[in-house]
Amino acid sequence: MEIHVSSLFPEILAMIFNYLDVKGKGRVAQVCTAWRDASYHKSVWRGVEAKLHLRRANPSLFPSLQTRGIKTVQILSLRRSLSYVIQGMPNIESLNLSGCYNLTDTGLGHAFVQDIPSLRILNLSLCKQITDSSLGRIAQYLKNLELLDLGGCSNITSTGLLLIAWGLRNLKSLNLRSCRHVSDVGIGHLAGMTRSAAEGCLSLEHLTLQDCQKLTDLSLKHISKGLNKLKVLNLSFCGGISDAGMIHLSHMTHLWTLNLRSCDNISDTGIMHLSMGALRLYGLDVSFCDKVGDQSLAYIAQGLYQLKSLSLCSCHISDDGINRMVRQMHELKTLNIGQCVRITDKGLELIADHLTQLTGIDLYGCTKITKRGLERITQLPCLKVLNLGLWQMTEDKDLGDASEVLPCYTS
């Protein structure tokens, strides 16, 4: 007996529609009433993010999203009031407003006027008109927030962080990239150093402080004392931190990933402090720290040998440093040594002989390597990514077989 597709139970149709992309799910809803009803099953739209341009009134928009069970929304352009979204989706779980330049404190204040217990994720990155006033509203009404992205919100100050530390005790991830008015005082608030005013965000696991220029080693002291659950810390481009601050970080036993890229005052001494502590780092980035050299690689081999990812781009390292490191780094999967112009074929041979678990290596701008060294690298059994970029051949300009083994991704 032949069974036509129209005879399938709605539950079966929903299972089939679940494999379609978002555009396909929308199209099958237009075929017939039965398919529309099946396509509106919440299991079909589980995990889907609605990406919206809010330009004019559309009375059916939010009822349609609610029927499908969609609770994750990204606003691509905002020409209507934000309260239009909040009122239309009272059970919203994730709201992405990144790049909505016209969003103001007033607009956000009109939207957040009562508790929204379902909202867990809020992205306000590059909403440049947002100030501490909005953080007061967020801290008051979004008590269950777990992720807050304020990257590029350059009007945020330490007062705003006090409000966050007072109201958002469940926060696990906070991005403060380029919030240049934030100081050591604000980090102290987050870390619970001012308990009389705020408990702090002591559950933080991810903290991004990239390009926060006012921060000093005192911030690192606050972090090490109060944020004991922190797993990922990004301090890239923080020119005010120094080797002394690494002493504080070296005691953070739960820290997995540390980014010190372009921290100009970090040197071999700072790496020594990290290697002598209780850290169990899996990822370390000291790229463009021009005071980091071969001695740092020796320290890494002694105390940070469990690293799986190590970035040393543009550091003053040589084949000698590679030689001092490779024999202990059995877990290393990713090695970025782009623009390390002192690295030669000898260094690549050492890497090929000892770092047999490598899946990716960056050799962008390593001008002293030749076809011989490349051939050794491409024989690594697990290698999947080889970045050559502006690599120049010093002996033979024809890569030959070496270029055919793996794709060369340019930066």
Protein backbone atom coordinates (compact mmCIF):
# COMPACT_ATOMS: atom_id res chain seq x y z
CA MET A 1 0.00 0.00 0.00
CA GLU A 2 1.39 3.39 -0.99
CA ILE A 3 1.46 6.11 1.66
CA HIS A 4 1.32 9.70 0.46
CA VAL A 5 3.17 12.41 2.35
CA SER A 6 -0.16 14.03 3.17
CA SER A 7 -1.02 10.95 5.26
CA LEU A 8 1.87 11.40 7.67
CA PHE A 9 1.04 12.29 11.24
CA PRO A 10 1.91 15.88 12.26
CA GLU A 11 4.50 14.53 14.71
CA ILE A 12 6.32 12.75 11.86
CA LEU A 13 6.20 15.88 9.69
CA ALA A 14 7.62 17.91 12.58
CA MET A 15 10.52 15.45 12.92
CA ILE A 16 11.25 15.84 9.19
CA PHE A 17 10.98 19.63 9.24
CA ASN A 18 13.42 19.74 12.14
CA TYR A 19 16.24 18.91 9.70
CA LEU A 20 15.54 21.96 7.50
CA ASP A 21 17.35 25.29 7.76
CA VAL A 22 15.43 28.35 8.96
CA LYS A 23 14.44 29.44 5.46
CA GLY A 24 13.22 25.93 4.63
CA LYS A 25 11.12 25.79 7.79
CA GLY A 26 9.42 29.01 6.79
CA ARG A 27 8.72 27.75 3.27
CA VAL A 28 7.09 24.46 4.27
CA ALA A 29 4.68 26.46 6.44
CA GLN A 30 3.33 28.03 3.24
CA VAL A 31 2.53 24.73 1.46
CA CYS A 32 -0.76 23.85 3.13
CA THR A 33 -2.61 24.08 6.43
CA ALA A 34 -1.43 20.67 7.63
CA TRP A 35 2.20 21.48 6.94
CA ARG A 36 1.85 24.90 8.52
CA ASP A 37 0.45 23.38 11.71
CA ALA A 38 3.21 20.76 11.80
CA SER A 39 5.92 23.33 11.10
CA TYR A 40 4.73 25.43 14.04
CA HIS A 41 5.50 22.61 16.46
CA LYS A 42 7.97 23.94 19.03
CA SER A 43 10.40 21.08 18.47
CA VAL A 44 10.95 22.32 14.88
CA TRP A 45 12.20 25.71 16.09
CA ARG A 46 14.16 24.62 19.14
CA GLY A 47 17.40 26.63 19.35
CA VAL A 48 16.51 28.95 16.45
CA GLU A 49 17.37 32.65 16.81
CA ALA A 50 14.93 35.11 15.25
CA LYS A 51 16.79 37.92 13.44
CA LEU A 52 14.55 40.95 13.13
CA HIS A 53 14.48 44.38 11.54
CA LEU A 54 12.03 46.35 13.68
CA ARG A 55 10.82 49.06 11.34
CA ARG A 56 7.04 49.14 11.35
CA ALA A 57 4.25 47.60 13.37
CA ASN A 58 3.54 43.93 12.69
CA PRO A 59 0.82 42.64 15.04
CA SER A 60 1.34 39.00 14.05
CA LEU A 61 5.12 38.93 14.51
CA PHE A 62 5.50 38.15 18.21
CA PRO A 63 2.44 35.87 18.52
CA SER A 64 3.96 33.86 15.66
CA LEU A 65 7.33 33.61 17.41
CA GLN A 66 5.69 32.60 20.68
CA THR A 67 3.62 29.90 18.96
CA ARG A 68 6.82 28.40 17.59
CA GLY A 69 8.51 28.54 20.98
CA ILE A 70 11.26 30.93 19.83
CA LYS A 71 12.86 32.66 22.80
CA THR A 72 16.12 33.89 21.29
CA VAL A 73 16.07 37.19 19.37
CA GLN A 74 18.63 39.34 17.59
CA ILE A 75 17.59 42.86 16.64
CA LEU A 76 19.41 43.84 13.43
CA SER A 77 17.97 47.36 13.29
CA LEU A 78 15.85 49.17 15.85
CA ARG A 79 13.49 51.86 14.60
CA ARG A 80 10.73 51.07 17.06
CA SER A 81 10.74 51.12 20.85
CA LEU A 82 12.56 48.28 22.56
CA SER A 83 9.51 47.92 24.82
CA TYR A 84 7.69 46.63 21.71
CA VAL A 85 9.95 43.55 21.85
CA ILE A 86 9.80 43.00 25.61
CA GLN A 87 6.01 43.31 25.73
CA GLY A 88 5.63 41.00 22.74
CA MET A 89 7.93 38.29 24.15
CA PRO A 90 7.51 38.19 27.94
CA ASN A 91 9.33 34.82 28.14
CA ILE A 92 12.37 35.88 26.11
CA GLU A 93 15.60 34.13 27.14
CA SER A 94 18.24 35.78 24.93
CA LEU A 95 18.26 39.31 23.49
CA ASN A 96 21.02 40.47 21.14
CA LEU A 97 21.08 44.23 20.48
CA SER A 98 24.68 44.39 19.29
CA GLY A 99 25.31 47.38 17.05
CA CYS A 100 21.96 49.09 17.70
CA TYR A 101 23.63 52.50 17.82
CA ASN A 102 20.40 54.42 18.36
CA LEU A 103 19.51 52.58 21.57
CA THR A 104 19.61 55.02 24.49
CA ASP A 105 19.23 54.86 28.25
CA THR A 106 15.71 56.23 27.82
CA GLY A 107 14.72 53.55 25.35
CA LEU A 108 16.12 50.78 27.51
CA GLY A 109 14.51 52.30 30.60
CA HIS A 110 11.07 52.23 28.96
CA ALA A 111 11.56 48.55 28.07
CA PHE A 112 12.81 47.26 31.41
CA VAL A 113 10.10 48.35 33.85
CA GLN A 114 9.42 45.05 35.60
CA ASP A 115 11.17 41.78 36.39
CA ILE A 116 12.03 39.59 33.39
CA PRO A 117 13.06 36.35 35.13
CA SER A 118 13.41 34.38 31.88
CA LEU A 119 16.12 36.59 30.34
CA ARG A 120 19.52 34.93 30.69
CA ILE A 121 21.57 36.53 27.89
CA LEU A 122 21.82 40.22 26.98
CA ASN A 123 24.19 41.57 24.33
CA LEU A 124 24.58 45.37 24.25
CA SER A 125 27.97 45.45 22.56
CA LEU A 126 28.59 48.59 20.48
CA CYS A 127 25.47 50.27 21.87
CA LYS A 128 27.58 53.35 22.43
CA GLN A 129 24.89 55.57 23.97
CA ILE A 130 24.32 53.20 26.89
CA THR A 131 25.62 54.49 30.25
CA ASP A 132 25.63 53.44 33.90
CA SER A 133 21.97 54.49 34.10
CA SER A 134 20.97 51.51 31.94
CA LEU A 135 23.03 49.16 34.10
CA GLY A 136 20.94 50.27 37.06
CA ARG A 137 17.80 49.12 35.23
CA ILE A 138 19.43 45.86 34.21
CA ALA A 139 20.61 45.14 37.75
CA GLN A 140 17.15 45.86 39.12
CA TYR A 141 14.98 43.87 36.70
CA LEU A 142 17.20 41.19 35.12
CA LYS A 143 18.24 39.34 38.27
CA ASN A 144 18.71 35.99 36.49
CA LEU A 145 21.05 37.29 33.82
CA GLU A 146 24.00 34.94 33.21
CA LEU A 147 25.74 36.61 30.25
CA LEU A 148 26.13 40.35 29.72
CA ASP A 149 28.10 41.78 26.80
CA LEU A 150 29.02 45.47 27.10
CA GLY A 151 31.92 45.41 24.65
CA GLY A 152 32.50 48.84 23.14
CA CYS A 153 30.08 50.60 25.51
CA SER A 154 32.64 53.30 26.20
CA ASN A 155 30.46 55.34 28.57
CA ILE A 156 30.35 52.62 31.22
CA THR A 157 32.28 53.46 34.40
CA SER A 158 33.11 51.77 37.69
CA THR A 159 29.81 53.05 39.08
CA GLY A 160 28.04 50.86 36.55
CA LEU A 161 30.06 47.88 37.72
CA LEU A 162 28.96 48.58 41.28
CA LEU A 163 25.35 48.30 40.10
CA ILE A 164 26.12 45.03 38.31
CA ALA A 165 27.86 43.69 41.42
CA TRP A 166 24.82 44.64 43.49
CA GLY A 167 22.12 43.11 41.31
CA LEU A 168 23.50 40.38 39.03
CA ARG A 169 24.72 37.68 41.40
CA ASN A 170 24.08 34.87 38.88
CA LEU A 171 26.29 36.43 36.20
CA LYS A 172 28.74 33.95 34.68
CA SER A 173 30.09 35.87 31.69
CA LEU A 174 30.86 39.59 31.42
CA ASN A 175 32.46 41.39 28.47
CA LEU A 176 33.85 44.86 29.18
CA ARG A 177 36.02 45.21 26.07
CA SER A 178 37.11 48.81 25.48
CA CYS A 179 35.19 50.15 28.47
CA ARG A 180 38.04 52.57 29.02
CA HIS A 181 36.57 54.38 32.01
CA VAL A 182 36.50 51.21 34.09
CA SER A 183 39.18 51.25 36.81
CA ASP A 184 40.57 49.05 39.57
CA VAL A 185 37.71 50.26 41.79
CA GLY A 186 35.12 48.78 39.43
CA ILE A 187 36.90 45.43 39.28
CA GLY A 188 36.98 45.49 43.07
CA HIS A 189 33.19 45.84 43.09
CA LEU A 190 32.80 42.82 40.79
CA ALA A 191 35.14 40.77 42.98
CA GLY A 192 33.21 41.55 46.17
CA MET A 193 35.85 43.81 47.69
CA THR A 194 33.15 46.30 48.78
CA ARG A 195 30.69 43.94 50.48
CA SER A 196 29.04 46.81 52.36
CA ALA A 197 27.78 48.13 49.01
CA ALA A 198 27.55 45.00 46.83
CA GLU A 199 28.08 41.26 47.18
CA GLY A 200 29.90 41.06 43.86
CA CYS A 201 29.58 38.72 40.86
CA LEU A 202 31.35 35.82 42.52
CA SER A 203 30.01 33.23 40.05
CA LEU A 204 31.83 34.78 37.09
CA GLU A 205 33.55 32.22 34.87
CA HIS A 206 34.37 34.36 31.81
CA LEU A 207 35.66 37.93 32.10
CA THR A 208 36.84 40.04 29.17
CA LEU A 209 38.77 43.21 30.06
CA GLN A 210 40.44 43.74 26.69
CA ASP A 211 41.66 47.29 26.12
CA CYS A 212 40.59 48.57 29.56
CA GLN A 213 43.45 51.02 29.80
CA LYS A 214 42.95 52.19 33.39
CA LEU A 215 43.43 48.76 34.94
CA THR A 216 46.59 48.00 36.94
CA ASP A 217 47.93 45.05 38.90
CA LEU A 218 45.52 45.96 41.70
CA SER A 219 42.68 44.69 39.53
CA LEU A 220 44.44 41.36 39.22
CA LYS A 221 44.77 41.22 43.00
CA HIS A 222 41.03 41.80 43.34
CA ILE A 223 40.28 39.12 40.72
CA SER A 224 42.50 36.53 42.37
CA LYS A 225 40.95 37.14 45.78
CA GLY A 226 37.28 37.33 44.86
CA LEU A 227 36.62 35.60 41.53
CA ASN A 228 37.67 32.08 42.46
CA LYS A 229 35.46 30.41 39.84
CA LEU A 230 36.96 32.31 36.91
CA LYS A 231 37.96 30.05 34.00
CA VAL A 232 38.65 32.49 31.15
CA LEU A 233 40.34 35.88 31.57
CA ASN A 234 41.10 38.22 28.67
CA LEU A 235 43.52 41.05 29.52
CA SER A 236 44.75 41.75 26.00
CA PHE A 237 45.86 45.33 25.29
CA CYS A 238 45.78 46.22 29.01
CA GLY A 239 48.96 48.26 29.07
CA GLY A 240 48.74 49.01 32.80
CA ILE A 241 49.32 45.47 34.05
CA SER A 242 52.82 44.18 34.68
CA ASP A 243 54.86 41.14 35.70
CA ALA A 244 54.00 41.75 39.36
CA GLY A 245 50.33 41.19 38.60
CA MET A 246 51.09 37.70 37.36
CA ILE A 247 51.94 36.70 40.93
CA HIS A 248 48.28 37.19 41.85
CA LEU A 249 46.99 35.27 38.83
CA SER A 250 49.36 32.37 39.50
CA HIS A 251 47.19 31.33 42.48
CA MET A 252 43.95 30.95 40.47
CA THR A 253 43.56 27.20 40.37
CA HIS A 254 40.39 27.19 38.24
CA LEU A 255 41.74 29.45 35.48
CA TRP A 256 41.89 27.64 32.12
CA THR A 257 42.60 30.36 29.57
CA LEU A 258 44.64 33.56 29.93
CA ASN A 259 45.01 36.17 27.18
CA LEU A 260 47.87 38.67 27.63
CA ARG A 261 48.20 39.67 23.98
CA SER A 262 49.86 43.07 23.49
CA CYS A 263 50.37 43.63 27.22
CA ASP A 264 53.56 45.61 26.75
CA ASN A 265 54.80 45.30 30.33
CA ILE A 266 54.72 41.51 30.46
CA SER A 267 58.17 39.93 30.17
CA ASP A 268 59.96 36.66 30.91
CA THR A 269 59.64 37.49 34.61
CA GLY A 270 55.85 37.51 34.38
CA ILE A 271 55.84 34.13 32.67
CA MET A 272 58.13 32.85 35.43
CA HIS A 273 55.58 33.94 38.05
CA LEU A 274 52.78 32.14 36.18
CA SER A 275 54.80 28.95 35.84
CA MET A 276 55.72 28.84 39.54
CA GLY A 277 52.17 29.06 40.85
CA ALA A 278 49.24 26.65 41.05
CA LEU A 279 47.85 27.34 37.57
CA ARG A 280 46.57 24.55 35.34
CA LEU A 281 46.27 26.63 32.17
CA TYR A 282 45.15 25.04 28.92
CA GLY A 283 45.41 28.19 26.81
CA LEU A 284 47.93 31.06 26.96
CA ASP A 285 48.32 33.98 24.54
CA VAL A 286 51.32 36.32 24.93
CA SER A 287 51.47 37.39 21.29
CA PHE A 288 53.04 40.81 20.61
CA CYS A 289 54.53 40.96 24.11
CA ASP A 290 57.92 42.04 22.82
CA LYS A 291 59.65 41.44 26.16
CA VAL A 292 58.82 37.73 26.05
CA GLY A 293 61.71 35.62 24.76
CA ASP A 294 63.38 32.22 24.89
CA GLN A 295 63.56 32.18 28.68
CA SER A 296 59.77 32.25 28.81
CA LEU A 297 59.63 29.04 26.81
CA ALA A 298 61.85 27.37 29.39
CA TYR A 299 59.53 28.53 32.18
CA ILE A 300 56.48 27.30 30.24
CA ALA A 301 58.08 23.87 29.82
CA GLN A 302 58.75 23.69 33.57
CA GLY A 303 55.42 24.84 34.98
CA LEU A 304 52.82 25.19 32.22
CA TYR A 305 53.54 21.99 30.31
CA GLN A 306 49.84 21.00 30.27
CA LEU A 307 49.00 23.77 27.77
CA LYS A 308 46.94 22.74 24.76
CA SER A 309 47.12 26.13 23.00
CA LEU A 310 50.07 28.56 23.01
CA SER A 311 50.30 31.81 21.05
CA LEU A 312 53.66 33.57 20.76
CA CYS A 313 53.20 35.64 17.60
CA SER A 314 55.84 38.35 17.17
CA CYS A 315 57.65 37.39 20.39
CA HIS A 316 61.45 37.43 20.46
CA ILE A 317 61.87 33.68 20.42
CA SER A 318 64.34 31.57 18.47
CA ASP A 319 65.15 27.95 17.71
CA ASP A 320 66.93 27.77 21.07
CA GLY A 321 63.71 28.60 22.91
CA ILE A 322 61.79 26.02 20.88
CA ASN A 323 64.44 23.47 21.84
CA ARG A 324 64.01 24.26 25.53
CA MET A 325 60.23 23.85 25.36
CA VAL A 326 59.15 21.06 23.00
CA ARG A 327 60.18 17.97 24.97
CA GLN A 328 57.75 18.69 27.82
CA MET A 329 54.74 19.95 25.83
CA HIS A 330 53.12 16.64 24.99
CA GLU A 331 49.54 17.97 25.19
CA LEU A 332 50.01 20.95 22.85
CA LYS A 333 47.44 21.05 20.03
CA THR A 334 47.80 24.60 18.68
CA LEU A 335 51.01 26.63 18.33
CA ASN A 336 51.00 30.16 16.92
CA ILE A 337 54.48 31.52 16.19
CA GLY A 338 53.65 33.84 13.29
CA GLN A 339 56.05 36.77 12.74
CA CYS A 340 58.70 35.14 14.92
CA VAL A 341 61.38 36.00 12.40
CA ARG A 342 64.22 34.19 14.23
CA ILE A 343 62.61 30.78 13.78
CA THR A 344 64.35 28.65 11.13
CA ASP A 345 64.05 25.12 9.75
CA LYS A 346 65.84 23.86 12.86
CA GLY A 347 62.94 25.05 15.02
CA LEU A 348 60.41 23.44 12.70
CA GLU A 349 62.30 20.15 12.83
CA LEU A 350 62.22 20.23 16.64
CA ILE A 351 58.47 20.90 16.53
CA ALA A 352 57.91 18.06 14.06
CA ASP A 353 59.96 15.64 16.16
CA HIS A 354 58.35 16.33 19.54
CA LEU A 355 54.95 18.07 19.21
CA THR A 356 53.26 15.14 17.55
CA GLN A 357 49.76 16.07 18.79
CA LEU A 358 49.68 19.43 16.98
CA THR A 359 46.53 20.03 14.95
CA GLY A 360 47.31 23.63 13.97
CA ILE A 361 50.36 25.85 13.56
CA ASP A 362 50.70 29.49 12.49
CA LEU A 363 53.90 30.35 10.59
CA TYR A 364 52.70 33.64 9.09
CA GLY A 365 55.64 35.93 8.43
CA CYS A 366 58.35 33.43 9.47
CA THR A 367 60.71 34.51 6.72
CA LYS A 368 63.67 32.26 7.57
CA ILE A 369 61.93 28.95 7.01
CA THR A 370 62.43 27.00 3.80
CA LYS A 371 60.84 24.17 1.90
CA ARG A 372 62.80 21.65 3.97
CA GLY A 373 61.31 22.84 7.26
CA LEU A 374 57.82 23.00 5.79
CA GLU A 375 58.02 19.44 4.55
CA ARG A 376 58.84 18.26 8.07
CA ILE A 377 55.91 20.19 9.55
CA THR A 378 53.43 18.79 7.03
CA GLN A 379 54.35 15.28 8.13
CA LEU A 380 52.83 15.83 11.58
CA PRO A 381 50.17 13.09 11.86
CA CYS A 382 47.36 15.21 13.37
CA LEU A 383 47.96 18.51 11.56
CA LYS A 384 44.82 20.05 10.03
CA VAL A 385 45.56 23.77 9.82
CA LEU A 386 48.75 25.37 8.50
CA ASN A 387 48.83 29.16 8.22
CA LEU A 388 51.61 30.52 6.02
CA GLY A 389 50.21 33.92 5.10
CA LEU A 390 53.02 36.10 3.77
CA TRP A 391 55.57 33.32 4.07
CA GLN A 392 58.45 33.69 1.63
CA MET A 393 60.62 30.89 0.34
CA THR A 394 64.31 31.46 0.97
CA GLU A 395 65.64 28.56 -1.09
CA ASP A 396 63.00 27.43 -3.54
CA LYS A 397 59.90 29.42 -4.41
CA ASP A 398 58.02 26.30 -5.47
CA LEU A 399 56.36 24.67 -2.46
CA GLY A 400 55.95 21.44 -4.34
CA ASP A 401 54.32 18.66 -2.35
CA ALA A 402 54.40 20.67 0.88
CA SER A 403 51.67 23.01 -0.34
CA GLU A 404 49.47 20.14 -1.42
CA VAL A 405 49.35 18.32 1.90
CA LEU A 406 47.36 20.97 3.76
CA PRO A 407 45.42 24.13 2.87
CA CYS A 408 47.29 27.33 3.62
CA TYR A 409 44.99 29.86 5.25
CA THR A 410 46.11 33.45 4.99
CA SER A 411 45.52 35.99 7.74
